[in-house]
Structure formats: structure tokens, C-alpha cells
Amino acid sequence: MTDIRQKKENVKMHLKNLRQNLKKMHLEVTEELIMPQPEDVKKLMNKMDQLLKLIESK
């Protein structure tokens, strides 16, 4: 697999994981009226930072 193709797959994987986490958090807030824990929000922010670094890397 080429380096570009591998990066693309990694980005897809990260996006899919972020999307799942955000959907779960959204459901907790809207349906169960549970606010997310600050550490959970921080974890998602870190994952987004990792994704940005992956995308920006050459």
C-alpha cells in the first residue's frame, strides 16, 4: 500500500472514530440529558489534534 493511501485510510479511521464518539456524546446530551465529562471532551479534542497532525504531515 502506498504511503498516501495509508494516510488516507488512517484519516478515515480517525474520522470514523471521532464521529462515533461525537454521536454518543450528542445522544447523551439530547436524550439522556447528561453533560459530557470534561476529560471526555479533552480526549476528543486530543483525537482531533492528532487527526490534524496526520493530515498536515507530508
N, C-alpha and C. Protein backbone atom coordinates (compact mmCIF):
# COMPACT_ATOMS: atom_id res chain seq x y z
N MET A 1 0.84 -1.17 0.00
CA MET A 1 0.00 0.00 0.00
C MET A 1 0.89 1.24 0.00
N THR A 2 0.54 2.19 -0.80
CA THR A 2 1.35 3.41 -0.90
C THR A 2 1.19 4.25 0.37
N ASP A 3 2.14 5.12 0.57
CA ASP A 3 2.13 5.99 1.75
C ASP A 3 0.89 6.88 1.75
N ILE A 4 0.53 7.43 0.61
CA ILE A 4 -0.65 8.30 0.51
C ILE A 4 -1.92 7.52 0.81
N ARG A 5 -1.99 6.34 0.28
CA ARG A 5 -3.17 5.50 0.51
C ARG A 5 -3.29 5.13 1.99
N GLN A 6 -2.16 4.85 2.61
CA GLN A 6 -2.16 4.51 4.04
C GLN A 6 -2.61 5.71 4.88
N LYS A 7 -2.12 6.89 4.54
CA LYS A 7 -2.54 8.09 5.25
C LYS A 7 -4.04 8.32 5.09
N LYS A 8 -4.53 8.10 3.89
CA LYS A 8 -5.96 8.27 3.64
C LYS A 8 -6.77 7.30 4.50
N GLU A 9 -6.33 6.08 4.59
CA GLU A 9 -7.02 5.09 5.43
C GLU A 9 -6.96 5.47 6.91
N ASN A 10 -5.82 5.99 7.33
CA ASN A 10 -5.68 6.43 8.72
C ASN A 10 -6.62 7.59 9.03
N VAL A 11 -6.72 8.52 8.10
CA VAL A 11 -7.63 9.66 8.28
C VAL A 11 -9.07 9.16 8.36
N LYS A 12 -9.44 8.25 7.48
CA LYS A 12 -10.80 7.70 7.52
C LYS A 12 -11.09 7.04 8.86
N MET A 13 -10.12 6.28 9.35
CA MET A 13 -10.29 5.59 10.62
C MET A 13 -10.46 6.59 11.76
N HIS A 14 -9.63 7.63 11.78
CA HIS A 14 -9.74 8.65 12.82
C HIS A 14 -11.09 9.38 12.74
N LEU A 15 -11.50 9.72 11.53
CA LEU A 15 -12.79 10.41 11.37
C LEU A 15 -13.96 9.55 11.82
N LYS A 16 -13.90 8.29 11.47
CA LYS A 16 -14.96 7.37 11.87
C LYS A 16 -15.04 7.26 13.39
N ASN A 17 -13.89 7.16 14.03
CA ASN A 17 -13.85 7.07 15.48
C ASN A 17 -14.36 8.36 16.13
N LEU A 18 -13.93 9.50 15.62
CA LEU A 18 -14.41 10.77 16.15
C LEU A 18 -15.92 10.91 15.99
N ARG A 19 -16.40 10.52 14.84
CA ARG A 19 -17.83 10.61 14.57
C ARG A 19 -18.63 9.75 15.55
N GLN A 20 -18.17 8.54 15.82
CA GLN A 20 -18.83 7.67 16.78
C GLN A 20 -18.86 8.29 18.16
N ASN A 21 -17.73 8.82 18.58
CA ASN A 21 -17.65 9.43 19.90
C ASN A 21 -18.55 10.65 20.02
N LEU A 22 -18.57 11.46 18.97
CA LEU A 22 -19.42 12.66 18.99
C LEU A 22 -20.90 12.30 18.96
N LYS A 23 -21.25 11.27 18.20
CA LYS A 23 -22.66 10.83 18.17
C LYS A 23 -23.11 10.35 19.54
N LYS A 24 -22.25 9.59 20.19
CA LYS A 24 -22.56 9.07 21.52
C LYS A 24 -22.74 10.23 22.50
N MET A 25 -21.83 11.19 22.44
CA MET A 25 -21.90 12.34 23.32
C MET A 25 -23.17 13.14 23.04
N HIS A 26 -23.49 13.31 21.78
CA HIS A 26 -24.70 14.06 21.40
C HIS A 26 -25.96 13.38 21.94
N LEU A 27 -26.04 12.06 21.80
CA LEU A 27 -27.19 11.33 22.32
C LEU A 27 -27.31 11.45 23.83
N GLU A 28 -26.21 11.40 24.50
CA GLU A 28 -26.23 11.55 25.96
C GLU A 28 -26.77 12.92 26.35
N VAL A 29 -26.37 13.93 25.62
CA VAL A 29 -26.81 15.29 25.96
C VAL A 29 -28.27 15.49 25.59
N THR A 30 -28.67 15.08 24.41
CA THR A 30 -30.03 15.38 23.94
C THR A 30 -31.10 14.43 24.47
N GLU A 31 -30.77 13.14 24.62
CA GLU A 31 -31.79 12.19 25.02
C GLU A 31 -31.75 11.85 26.51
N GLU A 32 -30.56 11.76 27.06
CA GLU A 32 -30.44 11.37 28.46
C GLU A 32 -30.18 12.57 29.37
N LEU A 33 -30.01 13.73 28.75
CA LEU A 33 -29.76 14.97 29.47
C LEU A 33 -28.55 14.87 30.40
N ILE A 34 -27.51 14.20 29.89
CA ILE A 34 -26.27 14.04 30.64
C ILE A 34 -25.19 14.86 29.95
N MET A 35 -24.59 15.75 30.71
CA MET A 35 -23.49 16.55 30.16
C MET A 35 -22.22 15.70 30.10
N PRO A 36 -21.42 15.87 29.06
CA PRO A 36 -20.19 15.09 28.97
C PRO A 36 -19.19 15.50 30.05
N GLN A 37 -18.39 14.55 30.45
CA GLN A 37 -17.34 14.82 31.43
C GLN A 37 -16.23 15.65 30.74
N PRO A 38 -15.64 16.56 31.47
CA PRO A 38 -14.58 17.37 30.87
C PRO A 38 -13.45 16.53 30.28
N GLU A 39 -13.08 15.44 30.93
CA GLU A 39 -11.99 14.61 30.40
C GLU A 39 -12.39 13.93 29.09
N ASP A 40 -13.68 13.64 28.92
CA ASP A 40 -14.14 13.06 27.66
C ASP A 40 -14.02 14.07 26.51
N VAL A 41 -14.36 15.31 26.81
CA VAL A 41 -14.24 16.37 25.81
C VAL A 41 -12.77 16.58 25.46
N LYS A 42 -11.91 16.57 26.47
CA LYS A 42 -10.47 16.73 26.24
C LYS A 42 -9.92 15.60 25.38
N LYS A 43 -10.38 14.38 25.62
CA LYS A 43 -9.94 13.23 24.82
C LYS A 43 -10.31 13.42 23.36
N LEU A 44 -11.53 13.88 23.12
CA LEU A 44 -11.95 14.12 21.73
C LEU A 44 -11.15 15.23 21.09
N MET A 45 -10.87 16.26 21.85
CA MET A 45 -10.06 17.35 21.31
C MET A 45 -8.66 16.85 20.96
N ASN A 46 -8.09 16.00 21.79
CA ASN A 46 -6.77 15.43 21.51
C ASN A 46 -6.81 14.56 20.25
N LYS A 47 -7.88 13.80 20.10
CA LYS A 47 -8.02 12.98 18.90
C LYS A 47 -8.12 13.85 17.65
N MET A 48 -8.82 14.96 17.77
CA MET A 48 -8.92 15.88 16.63
C MET A 48 -7.56 16.50 16.32
N ASP A 49 -6.80 16.82 17.35
CA ASP A 49 -5.45 17.35 17.14
C ASP A 49 -4.57 16.33 16.44
N GLN A 50 -4.66 15.07 16.84
CA GLN A 50 -3.89 14.01 16.20
C GLN A 50 -4.26 13.88 14.74
N LEU A 51 -5.55 13.98 14.46
CA LEU A 51 -6.00 13.90 13.08
C LEU A 51 -5.46 15.06 12.26
N LEU A 52 -5.48 16.24 12.81
CA LEU A 52 -4.92 17.41 12.10
C LEU A 52 -3.44 17.21 11.81
N LYS A 53 -2.71 16.69 12.77
CA LYS A 53 -1.28 16.45 12.56
C LYS A 53 -1.08 15.42 11.45
N LEU A 54 -1.91 14.39 11.44
CA LEU A 54 -1.81 13.37 10.40
C LEU A 54 -2.09 13.96 9.02
N ILE A 55 -3.11 14.78 8.94
CA ILE A 55 -3.48 15.40 7.67
C ILE A 55 -2.40 16.36 7.19
N GLU A 56 -1.82 17.10 8.11
CA GLU A 56 -0.82 18.10 7.75
C GLU A 56 0.55 17.51 7.46
N SER A 57 0.78 16.28 7.90
CA SER A 57 2.09 15.65 7.66
C SER A 57 2.25 15.32 6.19
N LYS A 58 3.49 15.33 5.74
CA LYS A 58 3.75 15.06 4.33
C LYS A 58 4.33 13.70 4.15
